[in-house]
Amino acid sequence: MEILCIVGFFASLFFAISFYYRDLPRKPEPELGRIYPINSHGVPLYLTKQEDFEQTLASVIAVVLFAAAAILDRFFDAFGNRKREALRKNRQPWNHRWGP
């Protein structure tokens, strides 16, 4: 489940960021419906209502999936990381498994 959240996070993040790299007009074009601005390094780019909704939704989904992955990792330990850390901490310093 955690891997799906991480993959979904990156997919939605890249989709949201892709709007900044598209060939969008720098001036509003009301006849095409491009009146919704986004800021790309100080340069306004104009989107349609549908594109603006998709960009906003992708950003929100990315944040939600990132939070879900963090919560899953914290409370469910899907990959057993804490168990491995505990085993490492329990080993005595002289038990190095090599030499006499």
C-alpha atoms as a PDB file:
ATOM      1  CA  MET A   1       0.000   0.000   0.000  1.00  0.00           C
ATOM      2  CA  GLU A   2       2.827   2.366   0.857  1.00  0.00           C
ATOM      3  CA  ILE A   3       4.512   1.777  -2.491  1.00  0.00           C
ATOM      4  CA  LEU A   4       1.252   2.604  -4.277  1.00  0.00           C
ATOM      5  CA  CYS A   5       1.046   5.864  -2.328  1.00  0.00           C
ATOM      6  CA  ILE A   6       4.610   6.760  -3.258  1.00  0.00           C
ATOM      7  CA  VAL A   7       4.114   5.911  -6.949  1.00  0.00           C
ATOM      8  CA  GLY A   8       0.841   7.854  -6.993  1.00  0.00           C
ATOM      9  CA  PHE A   9       2.525  10.782  -5.259  1.00  0.00           C
ATOM     10  CA  PHE A  10       5.250  11.024  -7.899  1.00  0.00           C
ATOM     11  CA  ALA A  11       2.776  10.558 -10.777  1.00  0.00           C
ATOM     12  CA  SER A  12       0.474  13.320  -9.551  1.00  0.00           C
ATOM     13  CA  LEU A  13       3.401  15.591  -8.678  1.00  0.00           C
ATOM     14  CA  PHE A  14       4.905  15.245 -12.156  1.00  0.00           C
ATOM     15  CA  PHE A  15       1.481  15.826 -13.735  1.00  0.00           C
ATOM     16  CA  ALA A  16       0.980  18.986 -11.650  1.00  0.00           C
ATOM     17  CA  ILE A  17       4.456  20.271 -12.519  1.00  0.00           C
ATOM     18  CA  SER A  18       3.968  19.497 -16.219  1.00  0.00           C
ATOM     19  CA  PHE A  19       1.694  22.528 -16.580  1.00  0.00           C
ATOM     20  CA  TYR A  20       4.704  24.767 -16.057  1.00  0.00           C
ATOM     21  CA  TYR A  21       6.553  23.220 -19.010  1.00  0.00           C
ATOM     22  CA  ARG A  22       3.762  23.266 -21.563  1.00  0.00           C
ATOM     23  CA  ASP A  23       3.599  25.816 -24.334  1.00  0.00           C
ATOM     24  CA  LEU A  24       1.036  28.084 -22.680  1.00  0.00           C
ATOM     25  CA  PRO A  25       0.287  31.689 -23.585  1.00  0.00           C
ATOM     26  CA  ARG A  26       1.771  34.475 -21.471  1.00  0.00           C
ATOM     27  CA  LYS A  27      -1.222  36.729 -22.050  1.00  0.00           C
ATOM     28  CA  PRO A  28      -4.846  35.813 -21.333  1.00  0.00           C
ATOM     29  CA  GLU A  29      -6.833  34.535 -24.296  1.00  0.00           C
ATOM     30  CA  PRO A  30     -10.498  34.914 -23.317  1.00  0.00           C
ATOM     31  CA  GLU A  31     -11.733  33.579 -26.679  1.00  0.00           C
ATOM     32  CA  LEU A  32     -10.061  30.231 -25.866  1.00  0.00           C
ATOM     33  CA  GLY A  33     -10.959  30.351 -22.176  1.00  0.00           C
ATOM     34  CA  ARG A  34      -7.345  30.775 -21.046  1.00  0.00           C
ATOM     35  CA  ILE A  35      -7.941  33.235 -18.230  1.00  0.00           C
ATOM     36  CA  TYR A  36      -6.676  31.348 -15.151  1.00  0.00           C
ATOM     37  CA  PRO A  37      -3.090  32.393 -14.310  1.00  0.00           C
ATOM     38  CA  ILE A  38      -0.331  30.294 -12.778  1.00  0.00           C
ATOM     39  CA  ASN A  39       3.043  31.732 -11.851  1.00  0.00           C
ATOM     40  CA  SER A  40       6.046  30.152 -13.532  1.00  0.00           C
ATOM     41  CA  HIS A  41       9.160  31.836 -12.087  1.00  0.00           C
ATOM     42  CA  GLY A  42       7.552  35.256 -12.193  1.00  0.00           C
ATOM     43  CA  VAL A  43       5.981  34.775 -15.640  1.00  0.00           C
ATOM     44  CA  PRO A  44       2.207  34.316 -15.662  1.00  0.00           C
ATOM     45  CA  LEU A  45       0.936  31.466 -17.835  1.00  0.00           C
ATOM     46  CA  TYR A  46      -2.774  31.145 -18.549  1.00  0.00           C
ATOM     47  CA  LEU A  47      -4.831  27.966 -18.309  1.00  0.00           C
ATOM     48  CA  THR A  48      -8.396  26.999 -19.142  1.00  0.00           C
ATOM     49  CA  LYS A  49     -10.794  26.237 -16.301  1.00  0.00           C
ATOM     50  CA  GLN A  50     -10.367  22.478 -16.896  1.00  0.00           C
ATOM     51  CA  GLU A  51      -6.549  22.703 -16.888  1.00  0.00           C
ATOM     52  CA  ASP A  52      -6.626  24.830 -13.739  1.00  0.00           C
ATOM     53  CA  PHE A  53      -8.854  22.249 -12.030  1.00  0.00           C
ATOM     54  CA  GLU A  54      -6.580  19.372 -13.124  1.00  0.00           C
ATOM     55  CA  GLN A  55      -3.447  21.167 -11.906  1.00  0.00           C
ATOM     56  CA  THR A  56      -5.013  21.998  -8.538  1.00  0.00           C
ATOM     57  CA  LEU A  57      -6.422  18.479  -8.111  1.00  0.00           C
ATOM     58  CA  ALA A  58      -3.069  16.868  -8.967  1.00  0.00           C
ATOM     59  CA  SER A  59      -1.324  19.059  -6.396  1.00  0.00           C
ATOM     60  CA  VAL A  60      -3.854  18.179  -3.691  1.00  0.00           C
ATOM     61  CA  ILE A  61      -3.637  14.459  -4.512  1.00  0.00           C
ATOM     62  CA  ALA A  62       0.175  14.618  -4.311  1.00  0.00           C
ATOM     63  CA  VAL A  63       0.015  16.160  -0.827  1.00  0.00           C
ATOM     64  CA  VAL A  64      -2.590  13.645   0.378  1.00  0.00           C
ATOM     65  CA  LEU A  65      -0.632  10.654  -0.954  1.00  0.00           C
ATOM     66  CA  PHE A  66       2.601  11.922   0.576  1.00  0.00           C
ATOM     67  CA  ALA A  67       0.862  12.277   3.959  1.00  0.00           C
ATOM     68  CA  ALA A  68      -0.694   8.810   3.577  1.00  0.00           C
ATOM     69  CA  ALA A  69       2.713   7.258   2.812  1.00  0.00           C
ATOM     70  CA  ALA A  70       4.245   9.001   5.835  1.00  0.00           C
ATOM     71  CA  ILE A  71       1.432   7.813   8.116  1.00  0.00           C
ATOM     72  CA  LEU A  72       1.640   4.260   6.794  1.00  0.00           C
ATOM     73  CA  ASP A  73       5.392   4.209   7.302  1.00  0.00           C
ATOM     74  CA  ARG A  74       5.131   5.643  10.814  1.00  0.00           C
ATOM     75  CA  PHE A  75       2.359   3.451  12.174  1.00  0.00           C
ATOM     76  CA  PHE A  76       2.514   0.234  10.141  1.00  0.00           C
ATOM     77  CA  ASP A  77       6.228  -0.130   9.244  1.00  0.00           C
ATOM     78  CA  ALA A  78       5.484  -1.844   5.942  1.00  0.00           C
ATOM     79  CA  PHE A  79       9.128  -2.587   5.124  1.00  0.00           C
ATOM     80  CA  GLY A  80      10.249  -3.705   8.599  1.00  0.00           C
ATOM     81  CA  ASN A  81      12.768  -0.882   8.987  1.00  0.00           C
ATOM     82  CA  ARG A  82      12.303  -0.517  12.731  1.00  0.00           C
ATOM     83  CA  LYS A  83      12.832  -4.241  13.301  1.00  0.00           C
ATOM     84  CA  ARG A  84      16.165  -4.096  11.450  1.00  0.00           C
ATOM     85  CA  GLU A  85      17.240  -1.020  13.426  1.00  0.00           C
ATOM     86  CA  ALA A  86      16.346  -2.778  16.673  1.00  0.00           C
ATOM     87  CA  LEU A  87      18.437  -5.805  15.689  1.00  0.00           C
ATOM     88  CA  ARG A  88      21.392  -3.555  14.905  1.00  0.00           C
ATOM     89  CA  LYS A  89      21.122  -1.787  18.250  1.00  0.00           C
ATOM     90  CA  ASN A  90      20.903  -5.044  20.227  1.00  0.00           C
ATOM     91  CA  ARG A  91      24.195  -6.426  18.886  1.00  0.00           C
ATOM     92  CA  GLN A  92      27.072  -6.100  21.313  1.00  0.00           C
ATOM     93  CA  PRO A  93      30.143  -4.195  20.085  1.00  0.00           C
ATOM     94  CA  TRP A  94      32.423  -7.208  20.540  1.00  0.00           C
ATOM     95  CA  ASN A  95      30.078  -9.433  18.522  1.00  0.00           C
ATOM     96  CA  HIS A  96      31.442  -8.378  15.142  1.00  0.00           C
ATOM     97  CA  ARG A  97      31.174 -11.844  13.514  1.00  0.00           C
ATOM     98  CA  TRP A  98      34.736 -11.953  12.199  1.00  0.00           C
ATOM     99  CA  GLY A  99      38.124 -12.910  13.542  1.00  0.00           C
ATOM    100  CA  PRO A 100      39.040 -14.704  16.776  1.00  0.00           C
END
